[in-house]
Amino acid sequence: MLLEEFLNAKPLYYNEIDYSRMPRIYESVKEHLKLPKLIHLVGTNGKGTTGRFLASALRKGGFSVGHYSSPHILSFNERIWLDGESVSMSILEEAHKKLLGLLDQKDASSLSYFEYTTLLAVVVYERCDYVVFEAGLGGEYDATAVFENILTLVTPIGKDHEAFLGTTIKAIATTKLNAMQQGVILAQQQHEEVYEIAQSIAQKKSAFYFQADALLDEPDSKKIVSITSQLNLADYLQQNLTLAIAALKYLKVPYEVEFFENSVLFGRLTPLSPNILLDVGHNVLAAQQIVKSLFGKKYTLIYNSFKDKEYTQILSLLEPIIESVELIAVEDARIESREKIEAALDTLGLVHKKFTTLQEGKNYLVFGSFSVAEAFLKVYNG
């Protein structure tokens, strides 16, 4: 069975997750898999861009590098980046054939979409020097946490996926930070308790602990300013860059400013045209960062939301940069009803209508999940 057909038979999302399945199945096949030096990325926001900054720099430094991320926007291949580009379908099919040959048929069928994809990526990356693996959900019990790693990187932690991770920053941070193994480097955090929890867990595990800024010197700071200027990075993307460079410093991998050319991951304040920005942020922390970056400007917001997101709070945060809102249709069972989002918009006093087409002379911000981005790009690309 070809990979696409095999994955399409698996649901993308679950209301409940069996956390024992991935460790058990990985244990049954790990002797047949070769792991490169693995860097594990956890956090609420910024994993994608941090991972791509780091992977791109390692690649420019002469290493063979993989970057595993999720979800994808238009093509499954986006999830498995290898040495500068999304992996080809021929390589994916070869890895799929090998993995099916290793797995018990019942185990292969029981693995979730994300779990199987994670093992598939390991097969693809067997010959790499380094792999940057992003956690999909949480940290401690995430499918990516079963692999031995040399370093854990932690992007800003905020509230998200509360049904699975907990309703407090303490609960969410603890779940994510429990994924650390040998040691951890933290990006700048909004919540001081994240540092305290990280230090406590690191001490219990006899793991090293660093905050990203502490690993950098004056030449690094100058390079960060130069890269930020050349790439025209928003404030929060600069934080992600800082974390990636801190990882390079820890790994003792020299880098130059030019290593980061063309390294910004698509989907984070990406300009599709002079008047259209697209961002796949879909939680409160992302909304706060967007407003900080775009404050003083006004946009027509193209938006939709999953039921489990705090969309009223998100829209309230975005209000200073919103001129009006256009709700885009998204085919997904998890999407909130249009009536409920419209009620939230009415409460906030925001003008809204259904998205149908783009108009000349308007500035647009497409903001929401990968599903929102996918729905918009299908219209935008015709």
Protein backbone atom coordinates (compact mmCIF):
# COMPACT_ATOMS: atom_id res chain seq x y z
CA MET A 1 0.00 0.00 0.00
CA LEU A 2 1.40 3.40 -1.01
CA LEU A 3 2.16 5.92 1.74
CA GLU A 4 -0.64 8.37 0.91
CA GLU A 5 -3.28 5.64 0.91
CA PHE A 6 -1.84 4.17 4.13
CA LEU A 7 -1.89 7.52 5.97
CA ASN A 8 -5.32 8.51 4.67
CA ALA A 9 -6.74 5.47 6.45
CA LYS A 10 -5.60 6.95 9.77
CA PRO A 11 -7.43 9.78 11.55
CA LEU A 12 -5.39 12.96 11.89
CA TYR A 13 -6.68 13.79 15.37
CA TYR A 14 -7.89 11.92 18.43
CA ASN A 15 -10.02 12.84 21.42
CA GLU A 16 -7.94 10.46 23.53
CA ILE A 17 -4.33 9.38 23.04
CA ASP A 18 -2.75 6.07 24.05
CA TYR A 19 0.61 7.26 25.42
CA SER A 20 1.93 3.72 25.87
CA ARG A 21 1.68 2.76 22.20
CA MET A 22 4.58 4.70 20.66
CA PRO A 23 7.19 3.72 23.32
CA ARG A 24 6.15 0.07 23.07
CA ILE A 25 6.29 -0.07 19.29
CA TYR A 26 9.53 1.90 19.06
CA GLU A 27 11.12 -0.51 21.55
CA SER A 28 10.21 -3.38 19.22
CA VAL A 29 12.02 -1.89 16.19
CA LYS A 30 14.72 0.43 17.54
CA GLU A 31 17.55 -2.08 17.07
CA HIS A 32 16.91 -1.81 13.31
CA LEU A 33 16.98 2.00 13.28
CA LYS A 34 19.99 4.30 13.41
CA LEU A 35 19.52 7.60 15.22
CA PRO A 36 21.60 10.64 14.30
CA LYS A 37 22.39 13.33 16.87
CA LEU A 38 18.89 14.46 17.73
CA ILE A 39 17.84 17.89 18.99
CA HIS A 40 14.34 17.94 20.47
CA LEU A 41 12.21 21.08 20.23
CA VAL A 42 9.30 21.67 22.61
CA GLY A 43 7.24 24.76 23.44
CA THR A 44 4.00 26.49 22.52
CA ASN A 45 5.08 28.88 19.77
CA GLY A 46 8.10 29.25 17.53
CA LYS A 47 9.17 25.62 17.18
CA GLY A 48 8.97 25.70 13.39
CA THR A 49 11.06 28.80 12.81
CA THR A 50 13.57 27.91 15.54
CA GLY A 51 13.98 24.47 14.01
CA ARG A 52 14.45 25.80 10.51
CA PHE A 53 16.96 28.45 11.63
CA LEU A 54 19.01 25.76 13.37
CA ALA A 55 18.70 23.12 10.65
CA SER A 56 19.60 25.61 7.91
CA ALA A 57 22.67 26.83 9.77
CA LEU A 58 23.87 23.28 10.47
CA ARG A 59 23.40 22.46 6.79
CA LYS A 60 25.41 25.52 5.72
CA GLY A 61 28.06 24.41 8.23
CA GLY A 62 28.64 21.27 6.19
CA PHE A 63 26.45 18.71 7.96
CA SER A 64 23.72 16.49 6.61
CA VAL A 65 20.61 17.67 8.45
CA GLY A 66 16.95 16.77 8.84
CA HIS A 67 14.16 18.96 10.22
CA TYR A 68 10.92 17.25 11.23
CA SER A 69 7.92 19.53 11.73
CA SER A 70 4.13 19.41 11.71
CA PRO A 71 1.53 19.87 10.50
CA HIS A 72 1.96 20.59 6.81
CA ILE A 73 0.05 23.23 4.86
CA LEU A 74 -0.31 21.90 1.33
CA SER A 75 1.97 18.88 0.91
CA PHE A 76 2.86 16.07 3.31
CA ASN A 77 6.50 16.37 2.20
CA GLU A 78 6.71 19.69 4.08
CA ARG A 79 6.94 17.74 7.34
CA ILE A 80 10.20 16.00 6.44
CA TRP A 81 12.91 18.48 5.36
CA LEU A 82 16.22 16.99 4.33
CA ASP A 83 19.38 18.91 3.46
CA GLY A 84 17.65 22.06 2.32
CA GLU A 85 14.40 20.87 0.80
CA SER A 86 11.26 18.85 1.41
CA VAL A 87 12.02 15.17 0.90
CA SER A 88 10.94 13.58 -2.38
CA MET A 89 8.05 11.13 -2.65
CA SER A 90 10.41 8.45 -3.95
CA ILE A 91 12.49 8.64 -0.76
CA LEU A 92 9.33 8.64 1.34
CA GLU A 93 7.94 5.57 -0.42
CA GLU A 94 11.26 3.74 0.03
CA ALA A 95 11.27 4.58 3.75
CA HIS A 96 7.60 3.56 4.05
CA LYS A 97 8.36 0.17 2.49
CA LYS A 98 11.27 -0.38 4.88
CA LEU A 99 9.24 0.66 7.94
CA LEU A 100 6.33 -1.61 7.08
CA GLY A 101 8.85 -4.43 6.78
CA LEU A 102 10.05 -3.78 10.33
CA LEU A 103 6.68 -3.32 12.02
CA ASP A 104 4.22 -5.95 13.07
CA GLN A 105 1.14 -5.50 10.86
CA LYS A 106 -1.13 -4.90 13.85
CA ASP A 107 1.28 -2.29 15.25
CA ALA A 108 1.55 -0.52 11.91
CA SER A 109 -2.24 -0.25 11.75
CA SER A 110 -2.59 0.94 15.34
CA LEU A 111 -0.05 3.77 15.11
CA SER A 112 -1.60 7.22 14.77
CA TYR A 113 -0.93 9.40 11.72
CA PHE A 114 1.64 11.44 13.67
CA GLU A 115 3.27 8.42 15.32
CA TYR A 116 3.76 6.61 12.02
CA THR A 117 5.05 9.78 10.35
CA THR A 118 7.53 10.26 13.21
CA LEU A 119 8.95 6.75 12.74
CA LEU A 120 8.98 7.28 8.99
CA ALA A 121 11.10 10.41 9.47
CA VAL A 122 13.62 8.43 11.54
CA VAL A 123 14.04 6.00 8.65
CA VAL A 124 14.54 8.89 6.20
CA TYR A 125 17.09 10.56 8.49
CA GLU A 126 19.28 7.53 9.25
CA ARG A 127 22.27 8.93 7.34
CA CYS A 128 22.06 12.47 8.76
CA ASP A 129 24.58 14.00 11.14
CA TYR A 130 21.94 16.04 12.99
CA VAL A 131 18.15 16.03 13.11
CA VAL A 132 15.92 18.70 14.64
CA PHE A 133 12.74 16.99 15.84
CA GLU A 134 9.76 19.15 16.81
CA ALA A 135 7.29 17.81 19.32
CA GLY A 136 3.77 17.66 17.98
CA LEU A 137 1.77 17.97 21.19
CA GLY A 138 3.23 18.57 24.63
CA GLY A 139 6.59 16.99 25.31
CA GLU A 140 6.89 14.22 27.86
CA TYR A 141 4.36 11.92 26.18
CA ASP A 142 4.83 13.13 22.61
CA ALA A 143 5.77 10.56 19.99
CA THR A 144 9.04 12.42 19.37
CA ALA A 145 10.08 12.01 23.03
CA VAL A 146 10.82 8.28 22.74
CA PHE A 147 14.14 8.91 20.99
CA GLU A 148 17.41 9.56 22.78
CA ASN A 149 18.50 13.14 22.18
CA ILE A 150 21.57 15.27 22.88
CA LEU A 151 19.71 18.53 23.58
CA THR A 152 16.24 19.89 24.34
CA LEU A 153 15.32 23.38 23.14
CA VAL A 154 12.33 25.14 24.66
CA THR A 155 10.53 27.96 22.83
CA PRO A 156 8.09 30.29 24.68
CA ILE A 157 5.48 28.35 26.65
CA GLY A 158 1.90 29.55 26.95
CA LYS A 159 -1.59 28.09 27.10
CA ASP A 160 -2.65 25.80 24.26
CA HIS A 161 -4.10 22.30 23.84
CA GLU A 162 -5.39 22.59 27.39
CA ALA A 163 -7.61 19.51 27.12
CA PHE A 164 -4.46 17.40 26.81
CA LEU A 165 -1.80 19.44 28.62
CA GLY A 166 -3.57 21.09 31.54
CA THR A 167 -5.19 24.44 32.24
CA THR A 168 -2.32 26.20 34.02
CA ILE A 169 1.13 27.33 32.88
CA LYS A 170 2.61 25.13 35.61
CA ALA A 171 0.88 22.02 34.30
CA ILE A 172 1.66 22.78 30.65
CA ALA A 173 5.29 23.68 31.32
CA THR A 174 5.83 20.60 33.47
CA THR A 175 4.50 18.30 30.75
CA LYS A 176 6.66 19.95 28.09
CA LEU A 177 9.83 20.24 30.18
CA ASN A 178 9.68 16.67 31.43
CA ALA A 179 10.80 15.76 27.89
CA MET A 180 14.34 16.96 28.63
CA GLN A 181 17.01 14.27 28.77
CA GLN A 182 20.67 15.32 28.82
CA GLY A 183 19.98 19.02 29.11
CA VAL A 184 17.92 22.02 28.12
CA ILE A 185 18.25 25.53 26.66
CA LEU A 186 15.32 27.90 27.15
CA ALA A 187 14.26 30.81 24.98
CA GLN A 188 13.04 33.97 26.70
CA GLN A 189 9.82 33.14 28.54
CA GLN A 190 6.81 35.29 29.43
CA HIS A 191 6.13 33.33 32.61
CA GLU A 192 8.86 33.27 35.27
CA GLU A 193 7.61 29.97 36.66
CA VAL A 194 8.75 28.24 33.45
CA TYR A 195 12.40 28.91 34.40
CA GLU A 196 11.82 27.61 37.93
CA ILE A 197 10.16 24.41 36.68
CA ALA A 198 12.92 23.84 34.12
CA GLN A 199 15.65 24.25 36.73
CA SER A 200 13.87 21.88 39.11
CA ILE A 201 13.43 19.16 36.47
CA ALA A 202 17.02 19.60 35.24
CA GLN A 203 18.30 19.16 38.79
CA LYS A 204 16.23 16.00 39.32
CA LYS A 205 17.49 14.53 36.05
CA SER A 206 21.11 15.71 36.55
CA ALA A 207 20.76 17.56 33.24
CA PHE A 208 22.46 20.80 32.26
CA TYR A 209 20.35 23.97 32.20
CA PHE A 210 20.90 27.19 30.22
CA GLN A 211 18.93 30.23 29.26
CA ALA A 212 19.70 31.10 25.64
CA ASP A 213 21.09 34.58 26.31
CA ALA A 214 23.64 33.20 28.78
CA LEU A 215 25.36 31.24 26.00
CA LEU A 216 25.86 34.26 23.75
CA ASP A 217 28.65 36.83 23.69
CA GLU A 218 28.96 40.27 22.09
CA PRO A 219 29.93 38.97 18.61
CA ASP A 220 26.84 36.71 18.68
CA SER A 221 24.65 39.69 19.58
CA LYS A 222 26.04 41.68 16.66
CA LYS A 223 25.43 38.79 14.29
CA ILE A 224 21.85 38.45 15.54
CA VAL A 225 21.25 42.16 14.85
CA SER A 226 22.73 41.77 11.36
CA ILE A 227 20.67 38.64 10.54
CA THR A 228 17.51 40.26 11.94
CA SER A 229 18.05 43.29 9.69
CA GLN A 230 18.85 41.27 6.57
CA LEU A 231 15.85 38.95 7.01
CA ASN A 232 13.55 41.70 8.31
CA LEU A 233 12.56 39.54 11.27
CA ALA A 234 9.71 40.34 13.64
CA ASP A 235 10.59 40.57 17.35
CA TYR A 236 9.38 37.08 18.17
CA LEU A 237 11.27 35.57 15.24
CA GLN A 238 14.42 37.21 16.59
CA GLN A 239 13.83 35.29 19.84
CA ASN A 240 13.66 32.07 17.84
CA LEU A 241 16.87 32.99 16.05
CA THR A 242 18.56 33.63 19.40
CA LEU A 243 17.57 30.17 20.64
CA ALA A 244 18.88 28.53 17.46
CA ILE A 245 22.22 30.35 17.78
CA ALA A 246 22.46 29.39 21.44
CA ALA A 247 22.11 25.76 20.32
CA LEU A 248 24.92 26.23 17.79
CA LYS A 249 27.10 27.66 20.53
CA TYR A 250 26.35 24.74 22.83
CA LEU A 251 27.12 22.28 20.01
CA LYS A 252 30.36 24.19 19.30
CA VAL A 253 29.36 24.63 15.66
CA PRO A 254 30.81 27.84 14.14
CA TYR A 255 28.36 29.92 12.11
CA GLU A 256 28.33 33.00 9.91
CA VAL A 257 25.61 35.54 9.16
CA GLU A 258 25.13 34.13 5.66
CA PHE A 259 24.23 30.70 7.09
CA PHE A 260 20.72 32.04 7.73
CA GLU A 261 19.90 33.24 4.22
CA ASN A 262 16.56 31.81 3.03
CA SER A 263 16.03 30.15 6.43
CA VAL A 264 12.71 31.69 7.50
CA LEU A 265 10.03 29.01 7.62
CA PHE A 266 6.98 29.71 5.50
CA GLY A 267 3.92 30.67 7.54
CA ARG A 268 5.26 33.07 10.16
CA LEU A 269 4.34 36.60 9.08
CA THR A 270 5.11 35.51 5.54
CA PRO A 271 4.46 38.24 2.93
CA LEU A 272 2.53 36.63 0.08
CA SER A 273 2.39 40.01 -1.66
CA PRO A 274 2.97 43.64 -0.61
CA ASN A 275 -0.49 43.74 1.00
CA ILE A 276 -0.99 40.15 2.28
CA LEU A 277 0.64 38.62 5.36
CA LEU A 278 0.08 35.01 6.40
CA ASP A 279 0.74 33.59 9.86
CA VAL A 280 -0.17 30.13 11.14
CA GLY A 281 -0.27 31.21 14.77
CA HIS A 282 -3.55 30.17 16.35
CA ASN A 283 -3.30 30.76 20.08
CA VAL A 284 -3.16 33.60 22.59
CA LEU A 285 0.64 33.78 22.69
CA ALA A 286 0.82 34.00 18.91
CA ALA A 287 -1.80 36.77 18.85
CA GLN A 288 0.18 38.79 21.41
CA GLN A 289 3.33 38.48 19.32
CA ILE A 290 1.54 39.44 16.11
CA VAL A 291 0.06 42.62 17.63
CA LYS A 292 3.46 43.63 18.98
CA SER A 293 5.00 43.19 15.53
CA LEU A 294 2.23 44.93 13.54
CA PHE A 295 1.03 47.55 16.03
CA GLY A 296 0.16 50.87 14.38
CA LYS A 297 -1.12 49.26 11.18
CA LYS A 298 -4.62 48.09 10.24
CA TYR A 299 -5.57 44.91 8.43
CA THR A 300 -8.56 43.02 7.17
CA LEU A 301 -8.28 39.80 9.16
CA ILE A 302 -9.01 36.57 7.31
CA TYR A 303 -9.81 34.16 10.11
CA ASN A 304 -11.36 31.00 11.44
CA SER A 305 -10.79 28.93 14.57
CA PHE A 306 -10.95 25.48 16.06
CA LYS A 307 -13.52 24.92 18.80
CA ASP A 308 -10.88 24.39 21.49
CA LYS A 309 -9.11 27.73 20.90
CA GLU A 310 -9.78 30.84 22.96
CA TYR A 311 -10.96 32.72 19.88
CA THR A 312 -12.79 35.48 21.76
CA GLN A 313 -9.61 36.36 23.66
CA ILE A 314 -7.51 36.03 20.51
CA LEU A 315 -9.78 38.38 18.56
CA SER A 316 -9.80 40.81 21.47
CA LEU A 317 -6.00 40.86 21.46
CA LEU A 318 -5.91 41.37 17.69
CA GLU A 319 -8.51 44.16 17.79
CA PRO A 320 -5.96 47.05 17.74
CA ILE A 321 -4.73 45.97 14.31
CA ILE A 322 -8.10 44.85 12.86
CA GLU A 323 -10.11 47.02 10.47
CA SER A 324 -12.62 44.25 9.74
CA VAL A 325 -12.85 40.45 9.79
CA GLU A 326 -13.65 38.05 6.96
CA LEU A 327 -14.40 34.46 7.98
CA ILE A 328 -12.97 31.89 5.60
CA ALA A 329 -14.65 28.50 5.20
CA VAL A 330 -12.55 25.56 6.42
CA GLU A 331 -13.50 21.92 5.96
CA ASP A 332 -12.58 20.37 9.30
CA ALA A 333 -14.75 18.76 11.98
CA ARG A 334 -12.84 20.68 14.67
CA ILE A 335 -13.74 24.12 13.28
CA GLU A 336 -16.05 26.22 15.43
CA SER A 337 -19.47 27.08 14.00
CA ARG A 338 -19.63 30.33 12.09
CA GLU A 339 -22.51 31.49 14.28
CA LYS A 340 -20.46 31.26 17.48
CA ILE A 341 -17.49 33.11 16.04
CA GLU A 342 -19.81 35.78 14.64
CA ALA A 343 -21.38 36.15 18.10
CA ALA A 344 -17.90 36.72 19.55
CA LEU A 345 -17.17 39.31 16.86
CA ASP A 346 -20.46 41.08 17.59
CA THR A 347 -19.64 41.18 21.30
CA LEU A 348 -16.29 42.79 20.48
CA GLY A 349 -17.91 45.24 18.07
CA LEU A 350 -15.84 44.03 15.11
CA VAL A 351 -17.24 44.40 11.59
CA HIS A 352 -17.32 41.04 9.85
CA LYS A 353 -18.52 39.14 6.79
CA LYS A 354 -17.87 35.92 4.90
CA PHE A 355 -14.61 35.82 2.93
CA THR A 356 -15.24 35.55 -0.79
CA THR A 357 -12.48 37.33 -2.69
CA LEU A 358 -9.53 39.69 -2.22
CA GLN A 359 -9.98 43.38 -2.98
CA GLU A 360 -7.37 45.77 -4.30
CA GLY A 361 -6.18 48.45 -1.93
CA LYS A 362 -6.75 46.42 1.24
CA ASN A 363 -4.10 45.10 3.59
CA TYR A 364 -4.81 41.53 4.67
CA LEU A 365 -3.62 39.42 7.57
CA VAL A 366 -4.38 35.72 7.25
CA PHE A 367 -4.15 34.38 10.80
CA GLY A 368 -5.11 31.00 12.17
CA SER A 369 -4.21 27.35 12.08
CA PHE A 370 -2.49 25.48 9.25
CA SER A 371 -6.01 24.59 8.06
CA VAL A 372 -6.86 28.28 7.68
CA ALA A 373 -3.62 28.83 5.77
CA GLU A 374 -4.36 25.87 3.52
CA ALA A 375 -7.91 27.09 2.77
CA PHE A 376 -6.63 30.58 1.93
CA LEU A 377 -3.73 29.41 -0.24
CA LYS A 378 -6.06 27.25 -2.32
CA VAL A 379 -8.02 30.41 -3.14
CA TYR A 380 -4.94 32.61 -3.49
CA ASN A 381 -3.07 30.20 -5.78
CA GLY A 382 -6.19 29.57 -7.85
